[in-house]
C-alpha cells in the first residue's frame, strides 16, 4: 500500500525552551493537547485504513526566526504525537518512522505555519 498525506497548519508550536523546564507542566500539557487536536482536524478523512507500521516524515517549520536544530526537531513532537493519536502512525518510535526529516524556511513575521508530509 502506498499512502501519502500532506497538510499545513497556520500556527507554530512553541519552541522547546518555552515549554520545558521554565514553565509549569500544565502549560506544556495544554500546548501538546492543542497540537494533537489541530493535527486531528487537519487530517480529517485522510487517515489510512490502518495505522502505518513504517512511514517517512517530512516536517517543515515556516517562521521569521531560525531555530536551532534540536529545538526545531523537538518542536514537532506534539505534531507527531497527533499523528499517532489520530491513527496515521502505529507509533512514533525510531523503528517506525526513522529519523524525521525536519527543515526550516523563512516566513514573514506573524505568518508562521507548519507543513507535515507522511509517506508510507
PDB file of N, CA and C in Angstrom:
ATOM      1  N   UNK A   1       0.842  -1.176   0.000  1.00  0.00           N
ATOM      2  CA  UNK A   1       0.000   0.000   0.000  1.00  0.00           C
ATOM      3  C   UNK A   1       0.889   1.243   0.000  1.00  0.00           C
ATOM      4  N   UNK A   2       0.509   2.211  -0.802  1.00  0.00           N
ATOM      5  CA  UNK A   2       1.222   3.476  -0.825  1.00  0.00           C
ATOM      6  C   UNK A   2       0.298   4.553  -0.257  1.00  0.00           C
ATOM      7  N   UNK A   3       0.791   5.260   0.725  1.00  0.00           N
ATOM      8  CA  UNK A   3      -0.017   6.274   1.405  1.00  0.00           C
ATOM      9  C   UNK A   3       0.756   7.576   1.420  1.00  0.00           C
ATOM     10  N   UNK A   4       0.057   8.670   1.158  1.00  0.00           N
ATOM     11  CA  UNK A   4       0.686   9.985   1.190  1.00  0.00           C
ATOM     12  C   UNK A   4      -0.284  10.980   1.811  1.00  0.00           C
ATOM     13  N   UNK A   5       0.187  11.711   2.802  1.00  0.00           N
ATOM     14  CA  UNK A   5      -0.616  12.717   3.485  1.00  0.00           C
ATOM     15  C   UNK A   5       0.209  13.995   3.561  1.00  0.00           C
ATOM     16  N   UNK A   6      -0.366  15.094   3.125  1.00  0.00           N
ATOM     17  CA  UNK A   6       0.295  16.400   3.226  1.00  0.00           C
ATOM     18  C   UNK A   6      -0.733  17.396   3.730  1.00  0.00           C
ATOM     19  N   UNK A   7      -0.362  18.139   4.772  1.00  0.00           N
ATOM     20  CA  UNK A   7      -1.243  19.200   5.251  1.00  0.00           C
ATOM     21  C   UNK A   7      -0.411  20.300   5.890  1.00  0.00           C
ATOM     22  N   UNK A   8      -1.030  21.467   6.010  1.00  0.00           N
ATOM     23  CA  UNK A   8      -0.390  22.606   6.668  1.00  0.00           C
ATOM     24  C   UNK A   8      -1.311  23.112   7.765  1.00  0.00           C
ATOM     25  N   UNK A   9      -0.709  23.606   8.824  1.00  0.00           N
ATOM     26  CA  UNK A   9      -1.435  24.239   9.918  1.00  0.00           C
ATOM     27  C   UNK A   9      -0.849  25.639  10.074  1.00  0.00           C
ATOM     28  N   UNK A  10      -1.696  26.639  10.008  1.00  0.00           N
ATOM     29  CA  UNK A  10      -1.234  28.021  10.074  1.00  0.00           C
ATOM     30  C   UNK A  10      -1.120  28.490  11.527  1.00  0.00           C
ATOM     31  N   UNK A  11      -0.165  27.915  12.190  1.00  0.00           N
ATOM     32  CA  UNK A  11       0.177  28.236  13.575  1.00  0.00           C
ATOM     33  C   UNK A  11       1.551  27.620  13.806  1.00  0.00           C
ATOM     34  N   UNK A  12       2.201  27.996  14.886  1.00  0.00           N
ATOM     35  CA  UNK A  12       3.518  27.445  15.192  1.00  0.00           C
ATOM     36  C   UNK A  12       3.533  26.849  16.589  1.00  0.00           C
ATOM     37  N   UNK A  13       4.106  25.638  16.728  1.00  0.00           N
ATOM     38  CA  UNK A  13       4.282  25.098  18.074  1.00  0.00           C
ATOM     39  C   UNK A  13       5.283  25.957  18.837  1.00  0.00           C
ATOM     40  N   UNK A  14       5.096  26.060  20.142  1.00  0.00           N
ATOM     41  CA  UNK A  14       6.065  26.789  20.968  1.00  0.00           C
ATOM     42  C   UNK A  14       7.399  26.060  20.901  1.00  0.00           C
ATOM     43  N   UNK A  15       8.457  26.817  20.948  1.00  0.00           N
ATOM     44  CA  UNK A  15       9.787  26.219  20.903  1.00  0.00           C
ATOM     45  C   UNK A  15      10.103  25.566  22.245  1.00  0.00           C
ATOM     46  N   UNK A  16      11.003  24.610  22.234  1.00  0.00           N
ATOM     47  CA  UNK A  16      11.315  23.789  23.400  1.00  0.00           C
ATOM     48  C   UNK A  16      11.704  24.621  24.617  1.00  0.00           C
ATOM     49  N   UNK A  17      12.446  25.679  24.431  1.00  0.00           N
ATOM     50  CA  UNK A  17      12.893  26.465  25.581  1.00  0.00           C
ATOM     51  C   UNK A  17      11.737  27.207  26.250  1.00  0.00           C
ATOM     52  N   UNK A  18      10.598  27.297  25.578  1.00  0.00           N
ATOM     53  CA  UNK A  18       9.433  27.960  26.157  1.00  0.00           C
ATOM     54  C   UNK A  18       8.566  26.973  26.929  1.00  0.00           C
ATOM     55  N   UNK A  19       8.476  25.729  26.442  1.00  0.00           N
ATOM     56  CA  UNK A  19       7.545  24.777  27.047  1.00  0.00           C
ATOM     57  C   UNK A  19       8.203  23.757  27.973  1.00  0.00           C
ATOM     58  N   UNK A  20       9.506  23.806  28.130  1.00  0.00           N
ATOM     59  CA  UNK A  20      10.130  22.813  29.008  1.00  0.00           C
ATOM     60  C   UNK A  20      11.035  23.486  30.022  1.00  0.00           C
ATOM     61  N   UNK A  21      11.017  22.945  31.212  1.00  0.00           N
ATOM     62  CA  UNK A  21      11.948  23.412  32.222  1.00  0.00           C
ATOM     63  C   UNK A  21      11.578  24.728  32.866  1.00  0.00           C
ATOM     64  N   UNK A  22      11.207  25.717  32.087  1.00  0.00           N
ATOM     65  CA  UNK A  22      10.966  27.049  32.622  1.00  0.00           C
ATOM     66  C   UNK A  22       9.495  27.327  32.901  1.00  0.00           C
ATOM     67  N   UNK A  23       8.617  26.400  32.529  1.00  0.00           N
ATOM     68  CA  UNK A  23       7.203  26.651  32.737  1.00  0.00           C
ATOM     69  C   UNK A  23       6.564  25.495  33.494  1.00  0.00           C
ATOM     70  N   UNK A  24       5.409  25.741  33.994  1.00  0.00           N
ATOM     71  CA  UNK A  24       4.657  24.744  34.723  1.00  0.00           C
ATOM     72  C   UNK A  24       4.289  23.594  33.789  1.00  0.00           C
ATOM     73  N   UNK A  25       4.260  22.362  34.298  1.00  0.00           N
ATOM     74  CA  UNK A  25       3.960  21.188  33.478  1.00  0.00           C
ATOM     75  C   UNK A  25       2.595  21.316  32.808  1.00  0.00           C
ATOM     76  N   UNK A  26       1.676  22.010  33.452  1.00  0.00           N
ATOM     77  CA  UNK A  26       0.317  22.135  32.911  1.00  0.00           C
ATOM     78  C   UNK A  26       0.334  22.924  31.597  1.00  0.00           C
ATOM     79  N   UNK A  27       1.179  23.940  31.512  1.00  0.00           N
ATOM     80  CA  UNK A  27       1.289  24.726  30.279  1.00  0.00           C
ATOM     81  C   UNK A  27       1.764  23.842  29.125  1.00  0.00           C
ATOM     82  N   UNK A  28       2.773  23.040  29.373  1.00  0.00           N
ATOM     83  CA  UNK A  28       3.295  22.142  28.337  1.00  0.00           C
ATOM     84  C   UNK A  28       2.230  21.128  27.919  1.00  0.00           C
ATOM     85  N   UNK A  29       1.449  20.636  28.875  1.00  0.00           N
ATOM     86  CA  UNK A  29       0.385  19.677  28.579  1.00  0.00           C
ATOM     87  C   UNK A  29      -0.690  20.313  27.688  1.00  0.00           C
ATOM     88  N   UNK A  30      -1.097  21.526  28.013  1.00  0.00           N
ATOM     89  CA  UNK A  30      -2.115  22.236  27.227  1.00  0.00           C
ATOM     90  C   UNK A  30      -1.607  22.478  25.808  1.00  0.00           C
ATOM     91  N   UNK A  31      -0.354  22.873  25.675  1.00  0.00           N
ATOM     92  CA  UNK A  31       0.238  23.109  24.355  1.00  0.00           C
ATOM     93  C   UNK A  31       0.267  21.822  23.534  1.00  0.00           C
ATOM     94  N   UNK A  32       0.673  20.711  24.142  1.00  0.00           N
ATOM     95  CA  UNK A  32       0.712  19.425  23.435  1.00  0.00           C
ATOM     96  C   UNK A  32      -0.682  19.008  22.988  1.00  0.00           C
ATOM     97  N   UNK A  33      -1.657  19.150  23.855  1.00  0.00           N
ATOM     98  CA  UNK A  33      -3.036  18.779  23.528  1.00  0.00           C
ATOM     99  C   UNK A  33      -3.573  19.635  22.384  1.00  0.00           C
ATOM    100  N   UNK A  34      -3.266  20.921  22.400  1.00  0.00           N
ATOM    101  CA  UNK A  34      -3.693  21.822  21.330  1.00  0.00           C
ATOM    102  C   UNK A  34      -3.226  21.294  19.977  1.00  0.00           C
ATOM    103  N   UNK A  35      -1.953  20.888  19.896  1.00  0.00           N
ATOM    104  CA  UNK A  35      -1.404  20.424  18.632  1.00  0.00           C
ATOM    105  C   UNK A  35      -1.968  19.082  18.212  1.00  0.00           C
ATOM    106  N   UNK A  36      -2.275  18.237  19.166  1.00  0.00           N
ATOM    107  CA  UNK A  36      -2.904  16.965  18.813  1.00  0.00           C
ATOM    108  C   UNK A  36      -4.286  17.200  18.200  1.00  0.00           C
ATOM    109  N   UNK A  37      -5.034  18.151  18.735  1.00  0.00           N
ATOM    110  CA  UNK A  37      -6.358  18.487  18.196  1.00  0.00           C
ATOM    111  C   UNK A  37      -6.224  19.118  16.810  1.00  0.00           C
ATOM    112  N   UNK A  38      -5.275  20.042  16.642  1.00  0.00           N
ATOM    113  CA  UNK A  38      -5.073  20.672  15.336  1.00  0.00           C
ATOM    114  C   UNK A  38      -4.683  19.648  14.265  1.00  0.00           C
ATOM    115  N   UNK A  39      -3.822  18.717  14.620  1.00  0.00           N
ATOM    116  CA  UNK A  39      -3.409  17.668  13.676  1.00  0.00           C
ATOM    117  C   UNK A  39      -4.603  16.793  13.317  1.00  0.00           C
ATOM    118  N   UNK A  40      -5.357  16.377  14.306  1.00  0.00           N
ATOM    119  CA  UNK A  40      -6.530  15.527  14.073  1.00  0.00           C
ATOM    120  C   UNK A  40      -7.489  16.222  13.100  1.00  0.00           C
ATOM    121  N   UNK A  41      -7.736  17.502  13.305  1.00  0.00           N
ATOM    122  CA  UNK A  41      -8.638  18.256  12.432  1.00  0.00           C
ATOM    123  C   UNK A  41      -8.067  18.391  11.020  1.00  0.00           C
ATOM    124  N   UNK A  42      -6.765  18.614  10.909  1.00  0.00           N
ATOM    125  CA  UNK A  42      -6.138  18.777   9.595  1.00  0.00           C
ATOM    126  C   UNK A  42      -6.168  17.485   8.777  1.00  0.00           C
ATOM    127  N   UNK A  43      -6.084  16.354   9.449  1.00  0.00           N
ATOM    128  CA  UNK A  43      -6.100  15.059   8.759  1.00  0.00           C
ATOM    129  C   UNK A  43      -7.485  14.769   8.204  1.00  0.00           C
ATOM    130  N   UNK A  44      -8.504  15.100   8.982  1.00  0.00           N
ATOM    131  CA  UNK A  44      -9.876  14.866   8.534  1.00  0.00           C
ATOM    132  C   UNK A  44     -10.102  13.417   8.144  1.00  0.00           C
ATOM    133  N   UNK A  45     -10.582  13.205   6.940  1.00  0.00           N
ATOM    134  CA  UNK A  45     -10.902  11.847   6.469  1.00  0.00           C
ATOM    135  C   UNK A  45      -9.747  11.207   5.705  1.00  0.00           C
ATOM    136  N   UNK A  46      -8.561  11.771   5.804  1.00  0.00           N
ATOM    137  CA  UNK A  46      -7.414  11.269   5.039  1.00  0.00           C
ATOM    138  C   UNK A  46      -6.609  10.201   5.774  1.00  0.00           C
ATOM    139  N   UNK A  47      -7.193   9.601   6.803  1.00  0.00           N
ATOM    140  CA  UNK A  47      -6.481   8.559   7.542  1.00  0.00           C
ATOM    141  C   UNK A  47      -6.294   7.321   6.672  1.00  0.00           C
ATOM    142  N   UNK A  48      -5.210   6.593   6.888  1.00  0.00           N
ATOM    143  CA  UNK A  48      -5.056   5.320   6.172  1.00  0.00           C
ATOM    144  C   UNK A  48      -6.040   4.297   6.753  1.00  0.00           C
ATOM    145  N   UNK A  49      -6.324   3.216   6.023  1.00  0.00           N
ATOM    146  CA  UNK A  49      -7.246   2.195   6.540  1.00  0.00           C
ATOM    147  C   UNK A  49      -6.798   1.631   7.893  1.00  0.00           C
ATOM    148  N   UNK A  50      -5.500   1.510   8.070  1.00  0.00           N
ATOM    149  CA  UNK A  50      -4.905   1.072   9.341  1.00  0.00           C
ATOM    150  C   UNK A  50      -3.686   1.944   9.603  1.00  0.00           C
ATOM    151  N   UNK A  51      -3.341   2.167  10.889  1.00  0.00           N
ATOM    152  CA  UNK A  51      -2.138   2.960  11.182  1.00  0.00           C
ATOM    153  C   UNK A  51      -0.899   2.363  10.513  1.00  0.00           C
ATOM    154  N   UNK A  52      -0.057   3.222   9.999  1.00  0.00           N
ATOM    155  CA  UNK A  52       1.147   2.792   9.287  1.00  0.00           C
ATOM    156  C   UNK A  52       2.191   2.238  10.244  1.00  0.00           C
ATOM    157  N   UNK A  53       2.709   1.083   9.911  1.00  0.00           N
ATOM    158  CA  UNK A  53       3.777   0.489  10.709  1.00  0.00           C
ATOM    159  C   UNK A  53       5.110   1.174  10.423  1.00  0.00           C
ATOM    160  N   UNK A  54       5.293   1.596   9.162  1.00  0.00           N
ATOM    161  CA  UNK A  54       6.501   2.304   8.761  1.00  0.00           C
ATOM    162  C   UNK A  54       6.107   3.523   7.926  1.00  0.00           C
ATOM    163  N   UNK A  55       6.767   4.634   8.186  1.00  0.00           N
ATOM    164  CA  UNK A  55       6.480   5.854   7.446  1.00  0.00           C
ATOM    165  C   UNK A  55       7.690   6.771   7.467  1.00  0.00           C
ATOM    166  N   UNK A  56       7.758   7.635   6.484  1.00  0.00           N
ATOM    167  CA  UNK A  56       8.772   8.676   6.413  1.00  0.00           C
ATOM    168  C   UNK A  56       8.078   9.998   6.680  1.00  0.00           C
ATOM    169  N   UNK A  57       8.652  10.818   7.561  1.00  0.00           N
ATOM    170  CA  UNK A  57       8.071  12.105   7.917  1.00  0.00           C
ATOM    171  C   UNK A  57       8.940  13.243   7.419  1.00  0.00           C
ATOM    172  N   UNK A  58       8.320  14.186   6.724  1.00  0.00           N
ATOM    173  CA  UNK A  58       8.965  15.433   6.309  1.00  0.00           C
ATOM    174  C   UNK A  58       8.210  16.552   7.022  1.00  0.00           C
ATOM    175  N   UNK A  59       8.892  17.254   7.898  1.00  0.00           N
ATOM    176  CA  UNK A  59       8.269  18.271   8.744  1.00  0.00           C
ATOM    177  C   UNK A  59       8.972  19.603   8.513  1.00  0.00           C
ATOM    178  N   UNK A  60       8.203  20.626   8.163  1.00  0.00           N
ATOM    179  CA  UNK A  60       8.789  21.929   7.850  1.00  0.00           C
ATOM    180  C   UNK A  60       8.149  23.001   8.708  1.00  0.00           C
ATOM    181  N   UNK A  61       8.991  23.805   9.330  1.00  0.00           N
ATOM    182  CA  UNK A  61       8.540  24.961  10.112  1.00  0.00           C
ATOM    183  C   UNK A  61       8.815  26.211   9.292  1.00  0.00           C
ATOM    184  N   UNK A  62       7.799  27.034   9.093  1.00  0.00           N
ATOM    185  CA  UNK A  62       7.921  28.309   8.407  1.00  0.00           C
ATOM    186  C   UNK A  62       7.794  29.391   9.471  1.00  0.00           C
ATOM    187  N   UNK A  63       8.854  30.145   9.716  1.00  0.00           N
ATOM    188  CA  UNK A  63       8.821  31.187  10.749  1.00  0.00           C
ATOM    189  C   UNK A  63       9.810  32.294  10.402  1.00  0.00           C
ATOM    190  N   UNK A  64       9.690  33.411  11.107  1.00  0.00           N
ATOM    191  CA  UNK A  64      10.582  34.536  10.836  1.00  0.00           C
ATOM    192  C   UNK A  64      11.941  34.373  11.511  1.00  0.00           C
ATOM    193  N   UNK A  65      12.015  33.534  12.534  1.00  0.00           N
ATOM    194  CA  UNK A  65      13.280  33.303  13.241  1.00  0.00           C
ATOM    195  C   UNK A  65      13.736  31.870  13.036  1.00  0.00           C
ATOM    196  N   UNK A  66      14.994  31.703  12.708  1.00  0.00           N
ATOM    197  CA  UNK A  66      15.536  30.364  12.508  1.00  0.00           C
ATOM    198  C   UNK A  66      15.836  29.725  13.858  1.00  0.00           C
ATOM    199  N   UNK A  67      15.230  28.567  14.146  1.00  0.00           N
ATOM    200  CA  UNK A  67      15.501  27.896  15.419  1.00  0.00           C
ATOM    201  C   UNK A  67      16.808  27.109  15.352  1.00  0.00           C
ATOM    202  N   UNK A  68      17.344  26.740  16.515  1.00  0.00           N
ATOM    203  CA  UNK A  68      18.466  25.821  16.490  1.00  0.00           C
ATOM    204  C   UNK A  68      17.904  24.433  16.177  1.00  0.00           C
ATOM    205  N   UNK A  69      18.780  23.516  15.748  1.00  0.00           N
ATOM    206  CA  UNK A  69      18.309  22.239  15.225  1.00  0.00           C
ATOM    207  C   UNK A  69      17.557  21.400  16.253  1.00  0.00           C
ATOM    208  N   UNK A  70      18.078  21.305  17.476  1.00  0.00           N
ATOM    209  CA  UNK A  70      17.388  20.464  18.462  1.00  0.00           C
ATOM    210  C   UNK A  70      16.033  21.047  18.840  1.00  0.00           C
ATOM    211  N   UNK A  71      15.924  22.364  18.868  1.00  0.00           N
ATOM    212  CA  UNK A  71      14.637  22.995  19.126  1.00  0.00           C
ATOM    213  C   UNK A  71      13.654  22.762  17.989  1.00  0.00           C
ATOM    214  N   UNK A  72      14.171  22.780  16.758  1.00  0.00           N
ATOM    215  CA  UNK A  72      13.339  22.525  15.585  1.00  0.00           C
ATOM    216  C   UNK A  72      12.719  21.133  15.659  1.00  0.00           C
ATOM    217  N   UNK A  73      13.546  20.141  15.923  1.00  0.00           N
ATOM    218  CA  UNK A  73      13.063  18.756  15.981  1.00  0.00           C
ATOM    219  C   UNK A  73      12.093  18.581  17.145  1.00  0.00           C
ATOM    220  N   UNK A  74      12.463  19.070  18.310  1.00  0.00           N
ATOM    221  CA  UNK A  74      11.598  18.910  19.480  1.00  0.00           C
ATOM    222  C   UNK A  74      10.261  19.634  19.303  1.00  0.00           C
ATOM    223  N   UNK A  75      10.252  20.712  18.550  1.00  0.00           N
ATOM    224  CA  UNK A  75       9.025  21.451  18.295  1.00  0.00           C
ATOM    225  C   UNK A  75       7.977  20.646  17.538  1.00  0.00           C
ATOM    226  N   UNK A  76       8.398  19.581  16.860  1.00  0.00           N
ATOM    227  CA  UNK A  76       7.466  18.741  16.119  1.00  0.00           C
ATOM    228  C   UNK A  76       6.919  17.573  16.931  1.00  0.00           C
ATOM    229  N   UNK A  77       7.370  17.395  18.161  1.00  0.00           N
ATOM    230  CA  UNK A  77       6.974  16.236  18.967  1.00  0.00           C
ATOM    231  C   UNK A  77       5.456  16.125  19.127  1.00  0.00           C
ATOM    232  N   UNK A  78       4.777  17.191  19.491  1.00  0.00           N
ATOM    233  CA  UNK A  78       3.326  17.131  19.689  1.00  0.00           C
ATOM    234  C   UNK A  78       2.591  16.864  18.383  1.00  0.00           C
ATOM    235  N   UNK A  79       3.153  17.334  17.283  1.00  0.00           N
ATOM    236  CA  UNK A  79       2.549  17.085  15.976  1.00  0.00           C
ATOM    237  C   UNK A  79       2.634  15.598  15.635  1.00  0.00           C
ATOM    238  N   UNK A  80       3.788  15.005  15.857  1.00  0.00           N
ATOM    239  CA  UNK A  80       3.954  13.577  15.584  1.00  0.00           C
ATOM    240  C   UNK A  80       3.081  12.758  16.545  1.00  0.00           C
ATOM    241  N   UNK A  81       2.996  13.174  17.798  1.00  0.00           N
ATOM    242  CA  UNK A  81       2.079  12.501  18.725  1.00  0.00           C
ATOM    243  C   UNK A  81       0.647  12.575  18.201  1.00  0.00           C
ATOM    244  N   UNK A  82       0.281  13.690  17.590  1.00  0.00           N
ATOM    245  CA  UNK A  82      -1.043  13.833  16.992  1.00  0.00           C
ATOM    246  C   UNK A  82      -1.265  12.859  15.846  1.00  0.00           C
ATOM    247  N   UNK A  83      -0.221  12.568  15.075  1.00  0.00           N
ATOM    248  CA  UNK A  83      -0.327  11.585  14.000  1.00  0.00           C
ATOM    249  C   UNK A  83      -0.590  10.186  14.561  1.00  0.00           C
ATOM    250  N   UNK A  84       0.027   9.892  15.696  1.00  0.00           N
ATOM    251  CA  UNK A  84      -0.200   8.594  16.343  1.00  0.00           C
ATOM    252  C   UNK A  84      -1.623   8.527  16.901  1.00  0.00           C
ATOM    253  N   UNK A  85      -2.019   9.534  17.660  1.00  0.00           N
ATOM    254  CA  UNK A  85      -3.356   9.546  18.274  1.00  0.00           C
ATOM    255  C   UNK A  85      -4.478   9.574  17.242  1.00  0.00           C
ATOM    256  N   UNK A  86      -4.201  10.115  16.070  1.00  0.00           N
ATOM    257  CA  UNK A  86      -5.219  10.185  15.019  1.00  0.00           C
ATOM    258  C   UNK A  86      -5.284   8.924  14.163  1.00  0.00           C
ATOM    259  N   UNK A  87      -4.399   7.967  14.427  1.00  0.00           N
ATOM    260  CA  UNK A  87      -4.449   6.705  13.696  1.00  0.00           C
ATOM    261  C   UNK A  87      -3.699   6.695  12.380  1.00  0.00           C
ATOM    262  N   UNK A  88      -2.814   7.661  12.163  1.00  0.00           N
ATOM    263  CA  UNK A  88      -1.995   7.667  10.946  1.00  0.00           C
ATOM    264  C   UNK A  88      -0.769   6.776  11.140  1.00  0.00           C
ATOM    265  N   UNK A  89      -0.132   6.887  12.298  1.00  0.00           N
ATOM    266  CA  UNK A  89       1.052   6.089  12.618  1.00  0.00           C
ATOM    267  C   UNK A  89       0.730   5.128  13.749  1.00  0.00           C
ATOM    268  N   UNK A  90       1.290   3.929  13.687  1.00  0.00           N
ATOM    269  CA  UNK A  90       1.085   2.972  14.770  1.00  0.00           C
ATOM    270  C   UNK A  90       1.871   3.403  16.014  1.00  0.00           C
ATOM    271  N   UNK A  91       3.007   4.082  15.797  1.00  0.00           N
ATOM    272  CA  UNK A  91       3.864   4.515  16.890  1.00  0.00           C
ATOM    273  C   UNK A  91       4.830   5.563  16.339  1.00  0.00           C
ATOM    274  N   UNK A  92       5.490   6.285  17.226  1.00  0.00           N
ATOM    275  CA  UNK A  92       6.480   7.264  16.758  1.00  0.00           C
ATOM    276  C   UNK A  92       7.903   6.852  17.129  1.00  0.00           C
ATOM    277  N   UNK A  93       8.091   5.579  17.367  1.00  0.00           N
ATOM    278  CA  UNK A  93       9.436   5.079  17.668  1.00  0.00           C
ATOM    279  C   UNK A  93      10.313   5.149  16.422  1.00  0.00           C
ATOM    280  N   UNK A  94      11.598   5.193  16.645  1.00  0.00           N
ATOM    281  CA  UNK A  94      12.563   5.278  15.552  1.00  0.00           C
ATOM    282  C   UNK A  94      12.382   4.137  14.558  1.00  0.00           C
ATOM    283  N   UNK A  95      12.057   2.938  15.039  1.00  0.00           N
ATOM    284  CA  UNK A  95      11.874   1.800  14.141  1.00  0.00           C
ATOM    285  C   UNK A  95      10.654   1.975  13.230  1.00  0.00           C
ATOM    286  N   UNK A  96       9.723   2.843  13.601  1.00  0.00           N
ATOM    287  CA  UNK A  96       8.520   3.071  12.797  1.00  0.00           C
ATOM    288  C   UNK A  96       8.664   4.243  11.832  1.00  0.00           C
ATOM    289  N   UNK A  97       9.364   5.288  12.245  1.00  0.00           N
ATOM    290  CA  UNK A  97       9.449   6.487  11.412  1.00  0.00           C
ATOM    291  C   UNK A  97      10.856   6.784  10.897  1.00  0.00           C
ATOM    292  N   UNK A  98      11.857   6.127  11.438  1.00  0.00           N
ATOM    293  CA  UNK A  98      13.220   6.522  11.109  1.00  0.00           C
ATOM    294  C   UNK A  98      13.456   7.922  11.653  1.00  0.00           C
ATOM    295  N   UNK A  99      14.542   8.531  11.280  1.00  0.00           N
ATOM    296  CA  UNK A  99      14.813   9.914  11.696  1.00  0.00           C
ATOM    297  C   UNK A  99      13.875  10.836  10.928  1.00  0.00           C
ATOM    298  N   UNK A 100      13.279  11.764  11.628  1.00  0.00           N
ATOM    299  CA  UNK A 100      12.371  12.712  10.978  1.00  0.00           C
ATOM    300  C   UNK A 100      13.189  13.661  10.110  1.00  0.00           C
ATOM    301  N   UNK A 101      12.663  13.989   8.947  1.00  0.00           N
ATOM    302  CA  UNK A 101      13.288  14.975   8.064  1.00  0.00           C
ATOM    303  C   UNK A 101      12.711  16.335   8.428  1.00  0.00           C
ATOM    304  N   UNK A 102      13.435  17.088   9.228  1.00  0.00           N
ATOM    305  CA  UNK A 102      12.958  18.388   9.717  1.00  0.00           C
ATOM    306  C   UNK A 102      13.707  19.515   9.016  1.00  0.00           C
ATOM    307  N   UNK A 103      12.950  20.523   8.599  1.00  0.00           N
ATOM    308  CA  UNK A 103      13.585  21.662   7.948  1.00  0.00           C
ATOM    309  C   UNK A 103      12.896  22.957   8.358  1.00  0.00           C
ATOM    310  N   UNK A 104      13.544  24.059   8.039  1.00  0.00           N
ATOM    311  CA  UNK A 104      13.027  25.384   8.360  1.00  0.00           C
ATOM    312  C   UNK A 104      13.071  26.244   7.104  1.00  0.00           C
ATOM    313  N   UNK A 105      12.030  27.053   6.923  1.00  0.00           N
ATOM    314  CA  UNK A 105      12.009  28.035   5.844  1.00  0.00           C
ATOM    315  C   UNK A 105      11.548  29.365   6.416  1.00  0.00           C
ATOM    316  N   UNK A 106      12.134  30.428   5.905  1.00  0.00           N
ATOM    317  CA  UNK A 106      11.787  31.763   6.373  1.00  0.00           C
ATOM    318  C   UNK A 106      10.374  32.122   5.914  1.00  0.00           C
ATOM    319  N   UNK A 107       9.643  32.761   6.823  1.00  0.00           N
ATOM    320  CA  UNK A 107       8.300  33.266   6.531  1.00  0.00           C
ATOM    321  C   UNK A 107       8.196  34.677   7.109  1.00  0.00           C
ATOM    322  N   UNK A 108       7.310  35.480   6.576  1.00  0.00           N
ATOM    323  CA  UNK A 108       7.126  36.823   7.150  1.00  0.00           C
ATOM    324  C   UNK A 108       6.647  36.726   8.601  1.00  0.00           C
ATOM    325  N   UNK A 109       6.990  37.719   9.382  1.00  0.00           N
ATOM    326  CA  UNK A 109       6.586  37.764  10.784  1.00  0.00           C
ATOM    327  C   UNK A 109       5.062  37.636  10.882  1.00  0.00           C
ATOM    328  N   UNK A 110       4.615  36.854  11.857  1.00  0.00           N
ATOM    329  CA  UNK A 110       3.192  36.601  12.122  1.00  0.00           C
ATOM    330  C   UNK A 110       2.488  35.818  11.015  1.00  0.00           C
ATOM    331  N   UNK A 111       3.260  35.147  10.166  1.00  0.00           N
ATOM    332  CA  UNK A 111       2.667  34.292   9.135  1.00  0.00           C
ATOM    333  C   UNK A 111       3.251  32.888   9.209  1.00  0.00           C
ATOM    334  N   UNK A 112       3.563  32.459  10.421  1.00  0.00           N
ATOM    335  CA  UNK A 112       4.162  31.155  10.615  1.00  0.00           C
ATOM    336  C   UNK A 112       3.177  30.025  10.372  1.00  0.00           C
ATOM    337  N   UNK A 113       3.728  28.878  10.020  1.00  0.00           N
ATOM    338  CA  UNK A 113       2.927  27.679   9.812  1.00  0.00           C
ATOM    339  C   UNK A 113       3.847  26.472   9.829  1.00  0.00           C
ATOM    340  N   UNK A 114       3.233  25.294   9.825  1.00  0.00           N
ATOM    341  CA  UNK A 114       3.979  24.054   9.702  1.00  0.00           C
ATOM    342  C   UNK A 114       3.396  23.249   8.538  1.00  0.00           C
ATOM    343  N   UNK A 115       4.253  22.519   7.864  1.00  0.00           N
ATOM    344  CA  UNK A 115       3.815  21.593   6.825  1.00  0.00           C
ATOM    345  C   UNK A 115       4.228  20.188   7.275  1.00  0.00           C
ATOM    346  N   UNK A 116       3.314  19.255   7.167  1.00  0.00           N
ATOM    347  CA  UNK A 116       3.551  17.873   7.566  1.00  0.00           C
ATOM    348  C   UNK A 116       3.329  16.983   6.346  1.00  0.00           C
ATOM    349  N   UNK A 117       4.320  16.138   6.046  1.00  0.00           N
ATOM    350  CA  UNK A 117       4.201  15.176   4.963  1.00  0.00           C
ATOM    351  C   UNK A 117       4.506  13.794   5.525  1.00  0.00           C
ATOM    352  N   UNK A 118       3.604  12.856   5.260  1.00  0.00           N
ATOM    353  CA  UNK A 118       3.760  11.477   5.707  1.00  0.00           C
ATOM    354  C   UNK A 118       3.718  10.592   4.459  1.00  0.00           C
ATOM    355  N   UNK A 119       4.730   9.769   4.300  1.00  0.00           N
ATOM    356  CA  UNK A 119       4.790   8.826   3.179  1.00  0.00           C
ATOM    357  C   UNK A 119       4.929   7.423   3.766  1.00  0.00           C
ATOM    358  N   UNK A 120       4.044   6.540   3.372  1.00  0.00           N
ATOM    359  CA  UNK A 120       4.090   5.190   3.912  1.00  0.00           C
ATOM    360  C   UNK A 120       3.750   4.149   2.884  1.00  0.00           C
TER     361      UNK A 120
END
